[in-house]
């Protein structure tokens, strides 16, 4: 049986039970005090209990039958009106199952349980639509980015095949560089997927130690580019994956070094512990950026200005990985352009 039919039968059953209880009250509190047989007095004939029952039984049966019909009809109408929102929710579910995630229920009326369910379902559809669109965009960008090194490799191999004796050290070096770039891009994609799936073990981590390790690792790159690294901060305990948080810190410092001034730039790294938060901040000098541009830098394969395109740095996934790791640790990432040029990136995580 459908839910509507079950509710209808329930309404009718409750009405019948109420009617029977009412008749039982009449019997217990009224008819029980009436003599069973009729009494003839000088004033006339006084009917007994049996006479009253015979006179009252047919109208009572008709009343109960009317209550049954009224309960069935009224229950069917009321159940239909109450369950009408479920029909719209079911329709939206079928559309979503068929791939239409843009449909919204937008249920009107008072804020009852059905309205709350419909609003929650709309919010879920919106999140699913955004995630699917982001995955499709990411897959298209990843395919495009991987196609470039593979196409270059194929061209170089064709050149070497056409002239086997002309294979030079320069050709081999170019093949090695293209292959290394493809490997780096693949590893970045795997790391991004791992962070999105949150498939890691959480442990106690000190962000200040991670910043020291990242700064020490990237110090040769900073010296090569003439960038100064200034690291400061207190012990900043947090909870998460040591490997992923180290990757987050390394990506931020690497991004700050690579996208800095050509000479004499500076990178500031600081950590601090608050009441319930562990804060990591990385700032760097550089070209002036707009707020609109900075807001897009966490998108996959977004390299920002033309300066970043021309220097061949990275694969365009550095800040996207940082954003994904931060989200996987239930944190927040804020990118702010500096008035003097460059950018400030702040990651706020949960304190241990």
C-alpha atoms as a PDB file:
ATOM      1  CA  UNK A   1       0.000   0.000   0.000  1.00  0.00           C
ATOM      2  CA  UNK A   2       1.075   3.543  -0.672  1.00  0.00           C
ATOM      3  CA  UNK A   3       1.790   5.956   2.157  1.00  0.00           C
ATOM      4  CA  UNK A   4      -1.270   7.986   1.171  1.00  0.00           C
ATOM      5  CA  UNK A   5      -3.540   4.943   1.486  1.00  0.00           C
ATOM      6  CA  UNK A   6      -1.959   3.987   4.807  1.00  0.00           C
ATOM      7  CA  UNK A   7      -2.544   7.494   6.174  1.00  0.00           C
ATOM      8  CA  UNK A   8      -6.140   7.457   4.888  1.00  0.00           C
ATOM      9  CA  UNK A   9      -6.894   4.165   6.606  1.00  0.00           C
ATOM     10  CA  UNK A  10      -5.232   5.477   9.750  1.00  0.00           C
ATOM     11  CA  UNK A  11      -7.416   8.604   9.772  1.00  0.00           C
ATOM     12  CA  UNK A  12     -10.586   6.561   9.171  1.00  0.00           C
ATOM     13  CA  UNK A  13      -9.581   4.042  11.832  1.00  0.00           C
ATOM     14  CA  UNK A  14      -8.984   6.760  14.414  1.00  0.00           C
ATOM     15  CA  UNK A  15     -12.404   8.276  13.667  1.00  0.00           C
ATOM     16  CA  UNK A  16     -14.079   4.889  14.064  1.00  0.00           C
ATOM     17  CA  UNK A  17     -12.274   4.271  17.341  1.00  0.00           C
ATOM     18  CA  UNK A  18     -13.338   7.719  18.563  1.00  0.00           C
ATOM     19  CA  UNK A  19     -16.959   6.987  17.624  1.00  0.00           C
ATOM     20  CA  UNK A  20     -16.962   3.636  19.403  1.00  0.00           C
ATOM     21  CA  UNK A  21     -15.417   5.220  22.488  1.00  0.00           C
ATOM     22  CA  UNK A  22     -18.130   7.872  22.473  1.00  0.00           C
ATOM     23  CA  UNK A  23     -20.817   5.215  22.357  1.00  0.00           C
ATOM     24  CA  UNK A  24     -19.069   3.350  25.152  1.00  0.00           C
ATOM     25  CA  UNK A  25     -19.133   6.533  27.253  1.00  0.00           C
ATOM     26  CA  UNK A  26     -22.873   6.841  26.621  1.00  0.00           C
ATOM     27  CA  UNK A  27     -23.369   3.234  27.695  1.00  0.00           C
ATOM     28  CA  UNK A  28     -21.245   3.463  30.797  1.00  0.00           C
ATOM     29  CA  UNK A  29     -22.407   6.785  32.154  1.00  0.00           C
ATOM     30  CA  UNK A  30     -26.025   6.974  30.986  1.00  0.00           C
ATOM     31  CA  UNK A  31     -27.669   3.727  29.939  1.00  0.00           C
ATOM     32  CA  UNK A  32     -26.267   1.735  32.862  1.00  0.00           C
ATOM     33  CA  UNK A  33     -28.505   3.712  35.234  1.00  0.00           C
ATOM     34  CA  UNK A  34     -31.658   3.030  33.198  1.00  0.00           C
ATOM     35  CA  UNK A  35     -33.744  -0.018  34.230  1.00  0.00           C
ATOM     36  CA  UNK A  36     -33.571  -2.922  31.804  1.00  0.00           C
ATOM     37  CA  UNK A  37     -37.377  -3.221  31.412  1.00  0.00           C
ATOM     38  CA  UNK A  38     -40.009  -0.610  30.715  1.00  0.00           C
ATOM     39  CA  UNK A  39     -41.965   0.813  33.639  1.00  0.00           C
ATOM     40  CA  UNK A  40     -45.623   1.766  33.589  1.00  0.00           C
ATOM     41  CA  UNK A  41     -46.534   4.509  36.016  1.00  0.00           C
ATOM     42  CA  UNK A  42     -49.557   6.649  36.628  1.00  0.00           C
ATOM     43  CA  UNK A  43     -47.784   9.335  34.629  1.00  0.00           C
ATOM     44  CA  UNK A  44     -47.365   7.083  31.616  1.00  0.00           C
ATOM     45  CA  UNK A  45     -44.962   4.629  29.970  1.00  0.00           C
ATOM     46  CA  UNK A  46     -41.257   4.954  30.785  1.00  0.00           C
ATOM     47  CA  UNK A  47     -39.036   3.080  28.265  1.00  0.00           C
ATOM     48  CA  UNK A  48     -36.375   0.746  29.631  1.00  0.00           C
ATOM     49  CA  UNK A  49     -32.782   0.192  28.630  1.00  0.00           C
ATOM     50  CA  UNK A  50     -33.652  -2.376  25.986  1.00  0.00           C
ATOM     51  CA  UNK A  51     -36.122   0.007  24.391  1.00  0.00           C
ATOM     52  CA  UNK A  52     -33.539   2.787  24.296  1.00  0.00           C
ATOM     53  CA  UNK A  53     -30.926   0.481  22.753  1.00  0.00           C
ATOM     54  CA  UNK A  54     -33.358  -0.657  20.042  1.00  0.00           C
ATOM     55  CA  UNK A  55     -34.193   2.962  19.262  1.00  0.00           C
ATOM     56  CA  UNK A  56     -30.589   4.213  19.436  1.00  0.00           C
ATOM     57  CA  UNK A  57     -28.746   1.376  17.659  1.00  0.00           C
ATOM     58  CA  UNK A  58     -29.801   2.145  14.026  1.00  0.00           C
ATOM     59  CA  UNK A  59     -28.905   5.875  14.211  1.00  0.00           C
ATOM     60  CA  UNK A  60     -25.615   4.972  15.940  1.00  0.00           C
ATOM     61  CA  UNK A  61     -24.751   2.486  13.190  1.00  0.00           C
ATOM     62  CA  UNK A  62     -25.558   5.092  10.537  1.00  0.00           C
ATOM     63  CA  UNK A  63     -23.372   7.627  12.381  1.00  0.00           C
ATOM     64  CA  UNK A  64     -20.474   5.171  12.509  1.00  0.00           C
ATOM     65  CA  UNK A  65     -20.883   4.418   8.799  1.00  0.00           C
ATOM     66  CA  UNK A  66     -20.885   8.157   8.075  1.00  0.00           C
ATOM     67  CA  UNK A  67     -17.740   8.585  10.178  1.00  0.00           C
ATOM     68  CA  UNK A  68     -16.084   5.795   8.176  1.00  0.00           C
ATOM     69  CA  UNK A  69     -16.914   7.413   4.850  1.00  0.00           C
ATOM     70  CA  UNK A  70     -15.956  10.857   6.137  1.00  0.00           C
ATOM     71  CA  UNK A  71     -12.689   9.485   7.512  1.00  0.00           C
ATOM     72  CA  UNK A  72     -11.797   7.769   4.240  1.00  0.00           C
ATOM     73  CA  UNK A  73     -12.645  10.751   2.050  1.00  0.00           C
ATOM     74  CA  UNK A  74     -11.213  13.379   4.386  1.00  0.00           C
ATOM     75  CA  UNK A  75      -8.143  11.273   5.114  1.00  0.00           C
ATOM     76  CA  UNK A  76      -7.490  10.751   1.387  1.00  0.00           C
ATOM     77  CA  UNK A  77      -7.696  14.495   0.717  1.00  0.00           C
ATOM     78  CA  UNK A  78      -5.614  15.499   3.745  1.00  0.00           C
ATOM     79  CA  UNK A  79      -2.984  12.851   3.050  1.00  0.00           C
ATOM     80  CA  UNK A  80      -2.759  14.010  -0.563  1.00  0.00           C
ATOM     81  CA  UNK A  81      -2.232  17.618   0.463  1.00  0.00           C
ATOM     82  CA  UNK A  82       0.313  16.706   3.122  1.00  0.00           C
ATOM     83  CA  UNK A  83       2.277  14.423   0.799  1.00  0.00           C
ATOM     84  CA  UNK A  84       2.206  16.765  -2.198  1.00  0.00           C
ATOM     85  CA  UNK A  85       5.735  18.117  -1.451  1.00  0.00           C
ATOM     86  CA  UNK A  86       7.063  14.557  -1.533  1.00  0.00           C
ATOM     87  CA  UNK A  87       5.895  14.283  -5.132  1.00  0.00           C
ATOM     88  CA  UNK A  88       8.009  17.270  -6.112  1.00  0.00           C
ATOM     89  CA  UNK A  89      10.978  15.929  -4.155  1.00  0.00           C
ATOM     90  CA  UNK A  90      10.606  12.530  -5.854  1.00  0.00           C
ATOM     91  CA  UNK A  91      10.443  14.214  -9.255  1.00  0.00           C
ATOM     92  CA  UNK A  92      13.621  16.130  -8.476  1.00  0.00           C
ATOM     93  CA  UNK A  93      15.292  12.891  -7.369  1.00  0.00           C
ATOM     94  CA  UNK A  94      14.390  11.190 -10.661  1.00  0.00           C
ATOM     95  CA  UNK A  95      15.748  14.155 -12.621  1.00  0.00           C
ATOM     96  CA  UNK A  96      18.974  14.084 -10.641  1.00  0.00           C
ATOM     97  CA  UNK A  97      19.288  10.326 -11.231  1.00  0.00           C
ATOM     98  CA  UNK A  98      18.966  11.001 -14.968  1.00  0.00           C
ATOM     99  CA  UNK A  99      21.798  13.539 -14.818  1.00  0.00           C
ATOM    100  CA  UNK A 100      19.826  16.793 -14.522  1.00  0.00           C
ATOM    101  CA  UNK A 101      21.442  18.486 -11.518  1.00  0.00           C
ATOM    102  CA  UNK A 102      20.282  22.000 -12.392  1.00  0.00           C
ATOM    103  CA  UNK A 103      16.641  21.422 -11.346  1.00  0.00           C
ATOM    104  CA  UNK A 104      15.611  22.871  -7.984  1.00  0.00           C
ATOM    105  CA  UNK A 105      12.488  22.123  -5.938  1.00  0.00           C
ATOM    106  CA  UNK A 106      12.142  25.627  -4.460  1.00  0.00           C
ATOM    107  CA  UNK A 107       9.274  24.558  -2.211  1.00  0.00           C
ATOM    108  CA  UNK A 108       7.035  27.379  -1.026  1.00  0.00           C
ATOM    109  CA  UNK A 109       4.959  27.571   2.119  1.00  0.00           C
ATOM    110  CA  UNK A 110       5.643  27.474   5.814  1.00  0.00           C
ATOM    111  CA  UNK A 111       8.887  26.208   7.285  1.00  0.00           C
ATOM    112  CA  UNK A 112       7.889  22.667   8.190  1.00  0.00           C
ATOM    113  CA  UNK A 113       9.734  19.358   7.876  1.00  0.00           C
ATOM    114  CA  UNK A 114       8.987  19.049   4.142  1.00  0.00           C
ATOM    115  CA  UNK A 115      10.286  22.566   3.474  1.00  0.00           C
ATOM    116  CA  UNK A 116      13.472  21.754   5.405  1.00  0.00           C
ATOM    117  CA  UNK A 117      13.904  18.508   3.446  1.00  0.00           C
ATOM    118  CA  UNK A 118      13.368  20.279   0.126  1.00  0.00           C
ATOM    119  CA  UNK A 119      15.832  23.059   0.991  1.00  0.00           C
ATOM    120  CA  UNK A 120      18.431  20.503   2.079  1.00  0.00           C
ATOM    121  CA  UNK A 121      17.907  18.589  -1.160  1.00  0.00           C
ATOM    122  CA  UNK A 122      18.314  21.783  -3.198  1.00  0.00           C
ATOM    123  CA  UNK A 123      21.540  22.560  -1.357  1.00  0.00           C
ATOM    124  CA  UNK A 124      22.800  19.041  -2.018  1.00  0.00           C
ATOM    125  CA  UNK A 125      21.973  19.351  -5.733  1.00  0.00           C
ATOM    126  CA  UNK A 126      23.811  22.678  -5.871  1.00  0.00           C
ATOM    127  CA  UNK A 127      26.915  21.150  -4.294  1.00  0.00           C
ATOM    128  CA  UNK A 128      26.768  18.127  -6.590  1.00  0.00           C
ATOM    129  CA  UNK A 129      26.356  20.340  -9.648  1.00  0.00           C
ATOM    130  CA  UNK A 130      29.340  22.459  -8.619  1.00  0.00           C
ATOM    131  CA  UNK A 131      31.490  19.395  -7.926  1.00  0.00           C
ATOM    132  CA  UNK A 132      30.570  17.727 -11.211  1.00  0.00           C
ATOM    133  CA  UNK A 133      31.277  20.929 -13.128  1.00  0.00           C
ATOM    134  CA  UNK A 134      34.612  21.300 -11.330  1.00  0.00           C
ATOM    135  CA  UNK A 135      35.554  17.676 -12.069  1.00  0.00           C
ATOM    136  CA  UNK A 136      34.647  18.061 -15.732  1.00  0.00           C
ATOM    137  CA  UNK A 137      36.643  21.266 -15.970  1.00  0.00           C
ATOM    138  CA  UNK A 138      39.546  19.651 -14.144  1.00  0.00           C
ATOM    139  CA  UNK A 139      39.483  16.597 -16.428  1.00  0.00           C
ATOM    140  CA  UNK A 140      39.421  18.807 -19.527  1.00  0.00           C
ATOM    141  CA  UNK A 141      42.307  20.934 -18.230  1.00  0.00           C
ATOM    142  CA  UNK A 142      44.295  17.864 -17.180  1.00  0.00           C
ATOM    143  CA  UNK A 143      43.826  16.290 -20.608  1.00  0.00           C
ATOM    144  CA  UNK A 144      44.935  19.509 -22.259  1.00  0.00           C
ATOM    145  CA  UNK A 145      47.987  19.875 -20.017  1.00  0.00           C
ATOM    146  CA  UNK A 146      49.055  16.249 -20.455  1.00  0.00           C
ATOM    147  CA  UNK A 147      48.562  16.421 -24.223  1.00  0.00           C
ATOM    148  CA  UNK A 148      51.221  19.125 -24.580  1.00  0.00           C
ATOM    149  CA  UNK A 149      54.245  17.217 -23.173  1.00  0.00           C
ATOM    150  CA  UNK A 150      53.120  14.026 -24.881  1.00  0.00           C
ATOM    151  CA  UNK A 151      52.823  15.798 -28.219  1.00  0.00           C
ATOM    152  CA  UNK A 152      56.261  17.356 -27.799  1.00  0.00           C
ATOM    153  CA  UNK A 153      57.720  13.973 -26.885  1.00  0.00           C
ATOM    154  CA  UNK A 154      56.128  12.384 -29.951  1.00  0.00           C
ATOM    155  CA  UNK A 155      57.558  15.105 -32.199  1.00  0.00           C
ATOM    156  CA  UNK A 156      61.054  14.712 -30.775  1.00  0.00           C
ATOM    157  CA  UNK A 157      60.876  10.949 -31.140  1.00  0.00           C
ATOM    158  CA  UNK A 158      59.776  11.280 -34.769  1.00  0.00           C
ATOM    159  CA  UNK A 159      62.747  13.549 -35.415  1.00  0.00           C
ATOM    160  CA  UNK A 160      65.066  10.988 -33.835  1.00  0.00           C
ATOM    161  CA  UNK A 161      63.462   8.167 -35.843  1.00  0.00           C
ATOM    162  CA  UNK A 162      63.857  10.021 -39.147  1.00  0.00           C
ATOM    163  CA  UNK A 163      67.525  10.678 -38.405  1.00  0.00           C
ATOM    164  CA  UNK A 164      68.870   8.028 -35.987  1.00  0.00           C
ATOM    165  CA  UNK A 165      72.420   9.230 -36.456  1.00  0.00           C
ATOM    166  CA  UNK A 166      71.481  12.808 -35.627  1.00  0.00           C
ATOM    167  CA  UNK A 167      70.409  12.143 -32.047  1.00  0.00           C
ATOM    168  CA  UNK A 168      72.225  14.782 -30.067  1.00  0.00           C
ATOM    169  CA  UNK A 169      72.692  15.505 -26.408  1.00  0.00           C
ATOM    170  CA  UNK A 170      70.413  18.518 -26.804  1.00  0.00           C
ATOM    171  CA  UNK A 171      67.597  16.322 -28.118  1.00  0.00           C
ATOM    172  CA  UNK A 172      68.021  13.892 -25.238  1.00  0.00           C
ATOM    173  CA  UNK A 173      68.042  16.772 -22.763  1.00  0.00           C
ATOM    174  CA  UNK A 174      64.800  18.135 -24.221  1.00  0.00           C
ATOM    175  CA  UNK A 175      63.210  14.682 -24.035  1.00  0.00           C
ATOM    176  CA  UNK A 176      64.318  14.368 -20.421  1.00  0.00           C
ATOM    177  CA  UNK A 177      62.877  17.786 -19.526  1.00  0.00           C
ATOM    178  CA  UNK A 178      59.537  17.073 -21.213  1.00  0.00           C
ATOM    179  CA  UNK A 179      59.311  13.648 -19.579  1.00  0.00           C
ATOM    180  CA  UNK A 180      60.132  15.133 -16.160  1.00  0.00           C
ATOM    181  CA  UNK A 181      57.396  17.721 -16.623  1.00  0.00           C
ATOM    182  CA  UNK A 182      54.862  15.016 -17.507  1.00  0.00           C
ATOM    183  CA  UNK A 183      55.883  13.015 -14.420  1.00  0.00           C
ATOM    184  CA  UNK A 184      55.579  16.099 -12.205  1.00  0.00           C
ATOM    185  CA  UNK A 185      52.138  16.839 -13.583  1.00  0.00           C
ATOM    186  CA  UNK A 186      50.981  13.241 -13.053  1.00  0.00           C
ATOM    187  CA  UNK A 187      52.285  13.225  -9.464  1.00  0.00           C
ATOM    188  CA  UNK A 188      50.541  16.536  -8.793  1.00  0.00           C
ATOM    189  CA  UNK A 189      47.273  15.137 -10.138  1.00  0.00           C
ATOM    190  CA  UNK A 190      47.601  12.053  -7.918  1.00  0.00           C
ATOM    191  CA  UNK A 191      48.354  14.222  -4.880  1.00  0.00           C
ATOM    192  CA  UNK A 192      45.353  16.428  -5.633  1.00  0.00           C
ATOM    193  CA  UNK A 193      43.125  13.363  -5.954  1.00  0.00           C
ATOM    194  CA  UNK A 194      44.435  11.970  -2.659  1.00  0.00           C
ATOM    195  CA  UNK A 195      43.705  15.241  -0.873  1.00  0.00           C
ATOM    196  CA  UNK A 196      40.208  15.450  -2.383  1.00  0.00           C
ATOM    197  CA  UNK A 197      39.393  11.916  -1.214  1.00  0.00           C
ATOM    198  CA  UNK A 198      40.800  12.623   2.285  1.00  0.00           C
ATOM    199  CA  UNK A 199      42.472   9.207   2.311  1.00  0.00           C
ATOM    200  CA  UNK A 200      45.133   9.880   4.923  1.00  0.00           C
ATOM    201  CA  UNK A 201      45.895   9.221   8.592  1.00  0.00           C
ATOM    202  CA  UNK A 202      45.683  12.155  11.012  1.00  0.00           C
ATOM    203  CA  UNK A 203      48.432  12.752  13.558  1.00  0.00           C
ATOM    204  CA  UNK A 204      49.907  15.573  15.627  1.00  0.00           C
ATOM    205  CA  UNK A 205      51.972  17.939  13.453  1.00  0.00           C
ATOM    206  CA  UNK A 206      53.933  21.095  14.299  1.00  0.00           C
ATOM    207  CA  UNK A 207      53.569  23.666  11.517  1.00  0.00           C
ATOM    208  CA  UNK A 208      56.678  25.552  12.654  1.00  0.00           C
ATOM    209  CA  UNK A 209      58.833  22.475  12.002  1.00  0.00           C
ATOM    210  CA  UNK A 210      57.266  22.034   8.572  1.00  0.00           C
ATOM    211  CA  UNK A 211      58.081  25.625   7.626  1.00  0.00           C
ATOM    212  CA  UNK A 212      61.697  25.125   8.684  1.00  0.00           C
ATOM    213  CA  UNK A 213      61.943  21.970   6.599  1.00  0.00           C
ATOM    214  CA  UNK A 214      60.334  23.597   3.557  1.00  0.00           C
ATOM    215  CA  UNK A 215      62.555  26.694   3.847  1.00  0.00           C
ATOM    216  CA  UNK A 216      65.693  24.562   4.152  1.00  0.00           C
ATOM    217  CA  UNK A 217      64.700  22.437   1.163  1.00  0.00           C
ATOM    218  CA  UNK A 218      63.967  25.433  -1.066  1.00  0.00           C
ATOM    219  CA  UNK A 219      66.876  27.585   0.095  1.00  0.00           C
ATOM    220  CA  UNK A 220      69.057  26.716  -2.964  1.00  0.00           C
ATOM    221  CA  UNK A 221      66.223  27.758  -5.293  1.00  0.00           C
ATOM    222  CA  UNK A 222      65.765  31.008  -3.381  1.00  0.00           C
ATOM    223  CA  UNK A 223      69.506  31.765  -3.533  1.00  0.00           C
ATOM    224  CA  UNK A 224      69.544  31.018  -7.241  1.00  0.00           C
ATOM    225  CA  UNK A 225      66.758  33.555  -7.799  1.00  0.00           C
ATOM    226  CA  UNK A 226      68.122  36.129  -5.374  1.00  0.00           C
ATOM    227  CA  UNK A 227      65.193  35.775  -2.960  1.00  0.00           C
ATOM    228  CA  UNK A 228      65.567  36.076   0.810  1.00  0.00           C
ATOM    229  CA  UNK A 229      63.534  33.771   3.091  1.00  0.00           C
ATOM    230  CA  UNK A 230      62.610  35.036   6.557  1.00  0.00           C
ATOM    231  CA  UNK A 231      61.054  32.366   8.769  1.00  0.00           C
ATOM    232  CA  UNK A 232      59.582  33.120  12.193  1.00  0.00           C
ATOM    233  CA  UNK A 233      56.924  31.721  14.429  1.00  0.00           C
ATOM    234  CA  UNK A 234      56.141  29.828  17.591  1.00  0.00           C
ATOM    235  CA  UNK A 235      55.316  26.183  18.095  1.00  0.00           C
ATOM    236  CA  UNK A 236      52.044  25.662  16.197  1.00  0.00           C
ATOM    237  CA  UNK A 237      50.519  22.207  16.785  1.00  0.00           C
ATOM    238  CA  UNK A 238      47.771  20.957  14.520  1.00  0.00           C
ATOM    239  CA  UNK A 239      46.216  17.618  13.518  1.00  0.00           C
ATOM    240  CA  UNK A 240      46.501  16.143  10.041  1.00  0.00           C
ATOM    241  CA  UNK A 241      48.693  14.322   7.561  1.00  0.00           C
ATOM    242  CA  UNK A 242      52.377  15.157   7.974  1.00  0.00           C
ATOM    243  CA  UNK A 243      53.089  14.454   4.296  1.00  0.00           C
ATOM    244  CA  UNK A 244      50.188  16.521   2.981  1.00  0.00           C
ATOM    245  CA  UNK A 245      50.816  19.452   5.312  1.00  0.00           C
ATOM    246  CA  UNK A 246      54.492  19.416   4.353  1.00  0.00           C
ATOM    247  CA  UNK A 247      53.403  19.484   0.710  1.00  0.00           C
ATOM    248  CA  UNK A 248      51.087  22.403   1.499  1.00  0.00           C
ATOM    249  CA  UNK A 249      53.909  24.361   3.150  1.00  0.00           C
ATOM    250  CA  UNK A 250      56.404  23.509   0.413  1.00  0.00           C
ATOM    251  CA  UNK A 251      53.986  24.564  -2.312  1.00  0.00           C
ATOM    252  CA  UNK A 252      53.322  27.907  -0.639  1.00  0.00           C
ATOM    253  CA  UNK A 253      57.021  28.665  -0.149  1.00  0.00           C
ATOM    254  CA  UNK A 254      57.897  27.475  -3.666  1.00  0.00           C
ATOM    255  CA  UNK A 255      55.112  29.585  -5.149  1.00  0.00           C
ATOM    256  CA  UNK A 256      56.321  32.628  -3.168  1.00  0.00           C
ATOM    257  CA  UNK A 257      59.902  32.143  -4.416  1.00  0.00           C
ATOM    258  CA  UNK A 258      59.105  31.482  -8.068  1.00  0.00           C
ATOM    259  CA  UNK A 259      56.581  34.303  -8.440  1.00  0.00           C
ATOM    260  CA  UNK A 260      58.716  36.905  -6.697  1.00  0.00           C
ATOM    261  CA  UNK A 261      60.795  39.825  -7.919  1.00  0.00           C
ATOM    262  CA  UNK A 262      63.599  38.933 -10.360  1.00  0.00           C
ATOM    263  CA  UNK A 263      66.199  40.157  -7.861  1.00  0.00           C
ATOM    264  CA  UNK A 264      66.104  41.194  -4.221  1.00  0.00           C
ATOM    265  CA  UNK A 265      62.708  39.725  -3.415  1.00  0.00           C
ATOM    266  CA  UNK A 266      61.661  38.501   0.016  1.00  0.00           C
ATOM    267  CA  UNK A 267      59.498  35.685   1.361  1.00  0.00           C
ATOM    268  CA  UNK A 268      58.095  35.939   4.893  1.00  0.00           C
ATOM    269  CA  UNK A 269      56.935  32.731   6.609  1.00  0.00           C
ATOM    270  CA  UNK A 270      55.215  32.809   9.985  1.00  0.00           C
ATOM    271  CA  UNK A 271      53.196  30.435  12.160  1.00  0.00           C
ATOM    272  CA  UNK A 272      51.053  31.155  15.188  1.00  0.00           C
ATOM    273  CA  UNK A 273      48.763  29.236  17.526  1.00  0.00           C
ATOM    274  CA  UNK A 274      45.433  30.697  18.557  1.00  0.00           C
ATOM    275  CA  UNK A 275      42.693  29.363  20.824  1.00  0.00           C
ATOM    276  CA  UNK A 276      41.317  26.792  18.401  1.00  0.00           C
ATOM    277  CA  UNK A 277      43.338  27.480  15.268  1.00  0.00           C
ATOM    278  CA  UNK A 278      46.810  26.941  13.860  1.00  0.00           C
ATOM    279  CA  UNK A 279      47.724  29.675  11.391  1.00  0.00           C
ATOM    280  CA  UNK A 280      50.348  29.528   8.634  1.00  0.00           C
ATOM    281  CA  UNK A 281      51.084  32.708   6.653  1.00  0.00           C
ATOM    282  CA  UNK A 282      53.385  33.043   3.636  1.00  0.00           C
ATOM    283  CA  UNK A 283      53.940  36.474   2.063  1.00  0.00           C
ATOM    284  CA  UNK A 284      56.108  37.471  -0.856  1.00  0.00           C
ATOM    285  CA  UNK A 285      57.088  40.539  -2.814  1.00  0.00           C
ATOM    286  CA  UNK A 286      56.400  40.701  -6.516  1.00  0.00           C
ATOM    287  CA  UNK A 287      54.231  42.271  -9.166  1.00  0.00           C
ATOM    288  CA  UNK A 288      51.024  43.985  -8.128  1.00  0.00           C
ATOM    289  CA  UNK A 289      48.009  41.708  -8.392  1.00  0.00           C
ATOM    290  CA  UNK A 290      44.307  42.491  -8.458  1.00  0.00           C
ATOM    291  CA  UNK A 291      41.805  40.933  -6.092  1.00  0.00           C
ATOM    292  CA  UNK A 292      39.963  39.381  -9.031  1.00  0.00           C
ATOM    293  CA  UNK A 293      43.100  37.668 -10.299  1.00  0.00           C
ATOM    294  CA  UNK A 294      44.100  36.419  -6.849  1.00  0.00           C
ATOM    295  CA  UNK A 295      40.659  34.854  -6.402  1.00  0.00           C
ATOM    296  CA  UNK A 296      41.274  32.588  -9.425  1.00  0.00           C
ATOM    297  CA  UNK A 297      44.750  31.372  -8.491  1.00  0.00           C
ATOM    298  CA  UNK A 298      43.474  28.325  -6.570  1.00  0.00           C
ATOM    299  CA  UNK A 299      41.822  26.987  -9.722  1.00  0.00           C
ATOM    300  CA  UNK A 300      43.686  24.041 -11.287  1.00  0.00           C
ATOM    301  CA  UNK A 301      46.138  25.010 -14.062  1.00  0.00           C
ATOM    302  CA  UNK A 302      45.660  28.710 -13.340  1.00  0.00           C
ATOM    303  CA  UNK A 303      49.021  30.462 -13.623  1.00  0.00           C
ATOM    304  CA  UNK A 304      47.827  34.023 -13.296  1.00  0.00           C
ATOM    305  CA  UNK A 305      49.802  36.713 -15.070  1.00  0.00           C
ATOM    306  CA  UNK A 306      51.806  36.500 -18.279  1.00  0.00           C
ATOM    307  CA  UNK A 307      54.990  36.660 -16.211  1.00  0.00           C
ATOM    308  CA  UNK A 308      54.137  33.290 -14.714  1.00  0.00           C
ATOM    309  CA  UNK A 309      53.481  31.774 -18.129  1.00  0.00           C
ATOM    310  CA  UNK A 310      56.783  32.855 -19.593  1.00  0.00           C
ATOM    311  CA  UNK A 311      59.104  31.600 -16.876  1.00  0.00           C
ATOM    312  CA  UNK A 312      57.917  28.003 -17.183  1.00  0.00           C
ATOM    313  CA  UNK A 313      57.428  27.533 -13.446  1.00  0.00           C
ATOM    314  CA  UNK A 314      55.313  24.684 -12.159  1.00  0.00           C
ATOM    315  CA  UNK A 315      52.402  22.875 -13.718  1.00  0.00           C
ATOM    316  CA  UNK A 316      49.634  25.194 -12.508  1.00  0.00           C
ATOM    317  CA  UNK A 317      48.520  22.980  -9.621  1.00  0.00           C
ATOM    318  CA  UNK A 318      50.505  24.417  -6.695  1.00  0.00           C
ATOM    319  CA  UNK A 319      47.821  26.566  -5.089  1.00  0.00           C
ATOM    320  CA  UNK A 320      45.076  24.187  -6.213  1.00  0.00           C
ATOM    321  CA  UNK A 321      46.798  21.440  -4.199  1.00  0.00           C
ATOM    322  CA  UNK A 322      47.168  23.833  -1.255  1.00  0.00           C
ATOM    323  CA  UNK A 323      43.449  24.630  -1.386  1.00  0.00           C
ATOM    324  CA  UNK A 324      42.509  20.962  -1.622  1.00  0.00           C
ATOM    325  CA  UNK A 325      44.773  19.969   1.299  1.00  0.00           C
ATOM    326  CA  UNK A 326      43.393  22.825   3.405  1.00  0.00           C
ATOM    327  CA  UNK A 327      39.803  21.749   2.681  1.00  0.00           C
ATOM    328  CA  UNK A 328      40.677  18.130   3.474  1.00  0.00           C
ATOM    329  CA  UNK A 329      41.865  19.296   6.910  1.00  0.00           C
ATOM    330  CA  UNK A 330      38.664  21.329   7.447  1.00  0.00           C
ATOM    331  CA  UNK A 331      40.623  24.572   7.252  1.00  0.00           C
ATOM    332  CA  UNK A 332      40.320  27.823   5.334  1.00  0.00           C
ATOM    333  CA  UNK A 333      42.675  29.369   2.792  1.00  0.00           C
ATOM    334  CA  UNK A 334      42.791  33.129   2.183  1.00  0.00           C
ATOM    335  CA  UNK A 335      44.694  34.828  -0.642  1.00  0.00           C
ATOM    336  CA  UNK A 336      45.185  38.587  -0.408  1.00  0.00           C
ATOM    337  CA  UNK A 337      47.150  40.878  -2.753  1.00  0.00           C
ATOM    338  CA  UNK A 338      49.727  43.081  -1.015  1.00  0.00           C
ATOM    339  CA  UNK A 339      49.538  46.817  -1.621  1.00  0.00           C
ATOM    340  CA  UNK A 340      53.278  46.953  -2.324  1.00  0.00           C
ATOM    341  CA  UNK A 341      53.106  43.993  -4.702  1.00  0.00           C
ATOM    342  CA  UNK A 342      53.068  40.259  -4.301  1.00  0.00           C
ATOM    343  CA  UNK A 343      50.611  38.219  -2.300  1.00  0.00           C
ATOM    344  CA  UNK A 344      49.831  37.020   1.211  1.00  0.00           C
ATOM    345  CA  UNK A 345      48.466  33.488   1.720  1.00  0.00           C
ATOM    346  CA  UNK A 346      47.024  32.416   5.075  1.00  0.00           C
ATOM    347  CA  UNK A 347      46.019  28.832   5.919  1.00  0.00           C
ATOM    348  CA  UNK A 348      43.974  28.410   9.102  1.00  0.00           C
ATOM    349  CA  UNK A 349      43.809  24.830  10.408  1.00  0.00           C
ATOM    350  CA  UNK A 350      42.415  23.208  13.521  1.00  0.00           C
ATOM    351  CA  UNK A 351      44.702  23.439  16.520  1.00  0.00           C
ATOM    352  CA  UNK A 352      45.775  20.252  18.259  1.00  0.00           C
END
